[in-house]
C-alpha atoms as a PDB file:
ATOM      1  CA  UNK A   1      -0.060   0.086   0.038  1.00  0.00           C
ATOM      2  CA  UNK A   2       1.346   3.124  -1.068  1.00  0.00           C
ATOM      3  CA  UNK A   3       0.925   6.438   0.933  1.00  0.00           C
ATOM      4  CA  UNK A   4      -1.220   9.245  -0.407  1.00  0.00           C
ATOM      5  CA  UNK A   5       0.443  12.587  -1.539  1.00  0.00           C
ATOM      6  CA  UNK A   6      -1.316  13.665   1.234  1.00  0.00           C
ATOM      7  CA  UNK A   7       0.191  11.587   3.621  1.00  0.00           C
ATOM      8  CA  UNK A   8       4.298  11.704   1.840  1.00  0.00           C
ATOM      9  CA  UNK A   9       4.466  15.377   1.075  1.00  0.00           C
ATOM     10  CA  UNK A  10       4.936  18.221   3.605  1.00  0.00           C
ATOM     11  CA  UNK A  11       2.429  20.652   3.971  1.00  0.00           C
ATOM     12  CA  UNK A  12       2.566  23.902   1.578  1.00  0.00           C
ATOM     13  CA  UNK A  13       4.161  26.680   3.422  1.00  0.00           C
ATOM     14  CA  UNK A  14       1.006  29.535   2.799  1.00  0.00           C
ATOM     15  CA  UNK A  15       2.791  32.887   2.398  1.00  0.00           C
ATOM     16  CA  UNK A  16       0.085  34.799   3.551  1.00  0.00           C
ATOM     17  CA  UNK A  17      -0.596  32.895   6.703  1.00  0.00           C
ATOM     18  CA  UNK A  18       1.232  35.788   8.878  1.00  0.00           C
ATOM     19  CA  UNK A  19       3.884  33.133   9.864  1.00  0.00           C
ATOM     20  CA  UNK A  20       7.600  34.432  10.022  1.00  0.00           C
ATOM     21  CA  UNK A  21      11.080  32.305  10.702  1.00  0.00           C
ATOM     22  CA  UNK A  22      11.232  34.149  14.247  1.00  0.00           C
ATOM     23  CA  UNK A  23       7.292  32.691  14.953  1.00  0.00           C
ATOM     24  CA  UNK A  24       8.069  29.252  13.591  1.00  0.00           C
ATOM     25  CA  UNK A  25      11.352  28.494  14.292  1.00  0.00           C
ATOM     26  CA  UNK A  26      12.326  28.507  10.793  1.00  0.00           C
ATOM     27  CA  UNK A  27      10.724  24.804  10.618  1.00  0.00           C
ATOM     28  CA  UNK A  28      10.329  24.808   6.793  1.00  0.00           C
ATOM     29  CA  UNK A  29      14.258  25.187   6.522  1.00  0.00           C
ATOM     30  CA  UNK A  30      14.400  21.428   7.993  1.00  0.00           C
ATOM     31  CA  UNK A  31      11.507  19.548   5.947  1.00  0.00           C
ATOM     32  CA  UNK A  32      13.255  16.893   3.649  1.00  0.00           C
ATOM     33  CA  UNK A  33      11.578  18.224   0.116  1.00  0.00           C
ATOM     34  CA  UNK A  34      13.322  18.039  -3.270  1.00  0.00           C
ATOM     35  CA  UNK A  35      13.853  22.063  -3.499  1.00  0.00           C
ATOM     36  CA  UNK A  36      15.299  21.858   0.014  1.00  0.00           C
ATOM     37  CA  UNK A  37      19.237  22.397  -0.625  1.00  0.00           C
ATOM     38  CA  UNK A  38      20.127  22.051   3.231  1.00  0.00           C
ATOM     39  CA  UNK A  39      21.331  18.212   3.098  1.00  0.00           C
ATOM     40  CA  UNK A  40      23.621  19.513  -0.056  1.00  0.00           C
ATOM     41  CA  UNK A  41      24.887  22.574   2.067  1.00  0.00           C
ATOM     42  CA  UNK A  42      25.730  20.626   5.327  1.00  0.00           C
ATOM     43  CA  UNK A  43      27.171  17.436   3.075  1.00  0.00           C
ATOM     44  CA  UNK A  44      29.605  20.155   1.056  1.00  0.00           C
ATOM     45  CA  UNK A  45      30.456  21.686   4.410  1.00  0.00           C
ATOM     46  CA  UNK A  46      31.523  18.362   5.719  1.00  0.00           C
ATOM     47  CA  UNK A  47      33.021  17.105   2.763  1.00  0.00           C
ATOM     48  CA  UNK A  48      35.350  20.202   2.826  1.00  0.00           C
ATOM     49  CA  UNK A  49      37.002  19.687   6.288  1.00  0.00           C
ATOM     50  CA  UNK A  50      39.787  17.670   6.383  1.00  0.00           C
ATOM     51  CA  UNK A  51      41.080  14.665   8.359  1.00  0.00           C
ATOM     52  CA  UNK A  52      41.750  16.238  11.569  1.00  0.00           C
ATOM     53  CA  UNK A  53      38.813  18.057  10.883  1.00  0.00           C
ATOM     54  CA  UNK A  54      36.363  15.522  10.843  1.00  0.00           C
ATOM     55  CA  UNK A  55      37.868  13.168  13.419  1.00  0.00           C
ATOM     56  CA  UNK A  56      37.063  15.801  16.099  1.00  0.00           C
ATOM     57  CA  UNK A  57      33.438  16.272  14.665  1.00  0.00           C
ATOM     58  CA  UNK A  58      32.880  12.652  15.150  1.00  0.00           C
ATOM     59  CA  UNK A  59      34.741  12.848  18.693  1.00  0.00           C
ATOM     60  CA  UNK A  60      32.026  16.117  19.944  1.00  0.00           C
ATOM     61  CA  UNK A  61      29.345  14.358  18.368  1.00  0.00           C
ATOM     62  CA  UNK A  62      30.155  11.420  20.931  1.00  0.00           C
ATOM     63  CA  UNK A  63      30.598  13.578  23.781  1.00  0.00           C
ATOM     64  CA  UNK A  64      27.532  15.414  23.187  1.00  0.00           C
ATOM     65  CA  UNK A  65      25.651  12.126  22.553  1.00  0.00           C
ATOM     66  CA  UNK A  66      27.049  10.237  25.958  1.00  0.00           C
ATOM     67  CA  UNK A  67      28.821   8.008  24.396  1.00  0.00           C
ATOM     68  CA  UNK A  68      32.173   9.702  25.976  1.00  0.00           C
ATOM     69  CA  UNK A  69      32.550  12.220  29.151  1.00  0.00           C
ATOM     70  CA  UNK A  70      35.139  15.131  28.734  1.00  0.00           C
ATOM     71  CA  UNK A  71      37.767  13.067  30.640  1.00  0.00           C
ATOM     72  CA  UNK A  72      37.598  10.540  27.650  1.00  0.00           C
ATOM     73  CA  UNK A  73      38.164  13.304  25.205  1.00  0.00           C
ATOM     74  CA  UNK A  74      41.387  11.471  23.530  1.00  0.00           C
ATOM     75  CA  UNK A  75      39.760   8.000  23.672  1.00  0.00           C
ATOM     76  CA  UNK A  76      37.057   9.716  21.121  1.00  0.00           C
ATOM     77  CA  UNK A  77      39.649  11.414  19.006  1.00  0.00           C
ATOM     78  CA  UNK A  78      41.664   8.275  18.675  1.00  0.00           C
ATOM     79  CA  UNK A  79      38.348   5.649  18.115  1.00  0.00           C
ATOM     80  CA  UNK A  80      37.384   8.995  15.299  1.00  0.00           C
ATOM     81  CA  UNK A  81      40.543   8.356  13.698  1.00  0.00           C
ATOM     82  CA  UNK A  82      40.588   4.762  13.684  1.00  0.00           C
ATOM     83  CA  UNK A  83      36.568   5.087  12.236  1.00  0.00           C
ATOM     84  CA  UNK A  84      37.287   7.680   9.363  1.00  0.00           C
ATOM     85  CA  UNK A  85      36.556   6.471   5.971  1.00  0.00           C
ATOM     86  CA  UNK A  86      34.289   7.444   3.087  1.00  0.00           C
ATOM     87  CA  UNK A  87      31.080   7.400   4.991  1.00  0.00           C
ATOM     88  CA  UNK A  88      31.291   9.396   7.967  1.00  0.00           C
ATOM     89  CA  UNK A  89      29.847  12.833   6.109  1.00  0.00           C
ATOM     90  CA  UNK A  90      26.680  10.288   5.324  1.00  0.00           C
ATOM     91  CA  UNK A  91      26.572   9.104   9.491  1.00  0.00           C
ATOM     92  CA  UNK A  92      26.299  12.552  10.329  1.00  0.00           C
ATOM     93  CA  UNK A  93      24.266  14.106   8.002  1.00  0.00           C
ATOM     94  CA  UNK A  94      21.899  11.311   8.707  1.00  0.00           C
ATOM     95  CA  UNK A  95      22.120  11.449  12.346  1.00  0.00           C
ATOM     96  CA  UNK A  96      19.021  13.014  13.898  1.00  0.00           C
ATOM     97  CA  UNK A  97      19.896  15.748  16.565  1.00  0.00           C
ATOM     98  CA  UNK A  98      23.447  16.149  15.065  1.00  0.00           C
ATOM     99  CA  UNK A  99      23.161  20.171  16.117  1.00  0.00           C
ATOM    100  CA  UNK A 100      22.256  19.263  19.587  1.00  0.00           C
ATOM    101  CA  UNK A 101      24.907  16.835  19.880  1.00  0.00           C
ATOM    102  CA  UNK A 102      27.602  18.969  18.684  1.00  0.00           C
ATOM    103  CA  UNK A 103      26.173  21.802  20.912  1.00  0.00           C
ATOM    104  CA  UNK A 104      26.082  19.390  24.044  1.00  0.00           C
ATOM    105  CA  UNK A 105      29.470  18.191  22.988  1.00  0.00           C
ATOM    106  CA  UNK A 106      30.718  21.943  23.057  1.00  0.00           C
ATOM    107  CA  UNK A 107      29.461  22.811  26.400  1.00  0.00           C
ATOM    108  CA  UNK A 108      31.045  19.588  27.742  1.00  0.00           C
ATOM    109  CA  UNK A 109      34.413  20.328  26.774  1.00  0.00           C
ATOM    110  CA  UNK A 110      33.933  24.000  28.546  1.00  0.00           C
ATOM    111  CA  UNK A 111      32.995  25.940  25.262  1.00  0.00           C
ATOM    112  CA  UNK A 112      29.886  28.130  24.938  1.00  0.00           C
ATOM    113  CA  UNK A 113      27.686  28.939  21.783  1.00  0.00           C
ATOM    114  CA  UNK A 114      26.662  32.114  23.443  1.00  0.00           C
ATOM    115  CA  UNK A 115      27.157  34.909  20.892  1.00  0.00           C
ATOM    116  CA  UNK A 116      27.547  32.788  17.473  1.00  0.00           C
ATOM    117  CA  UNK A 117      25.341  34.060  14.652  1.00  0.00           C
ATOM    118  CA  UNK A 118      22.187  31.726  14.539  1.00  0.00           C
ATOM    119  CA  UNK A 119      22.160  31.084  17.983  1.00  0.00           C
END
């Protein structure tokens, strides 16, 4: 049984609804639609990182997710370097709550996102 068109496509954004990004938290940017460039932009950004930056991002996500503690940062980095392959971009992009995990990892390591654009 195929889902109906209604169920498989997100609702269209009503430009006359009075909604704005400040009110709706820019939810439309997160919708998985064929014309949404977010995944491509994130993929391009991640693919542009060097090996050490990719390992740091993986380790940071793991710390934020609770797989490693602040005191285990070196272990997380060691494992991240071991796990690097051509699939880490897909792994990161496909991780639900990636942004939350990265922010939590930064906080766990003593960094703040206060004053960073978009926060």
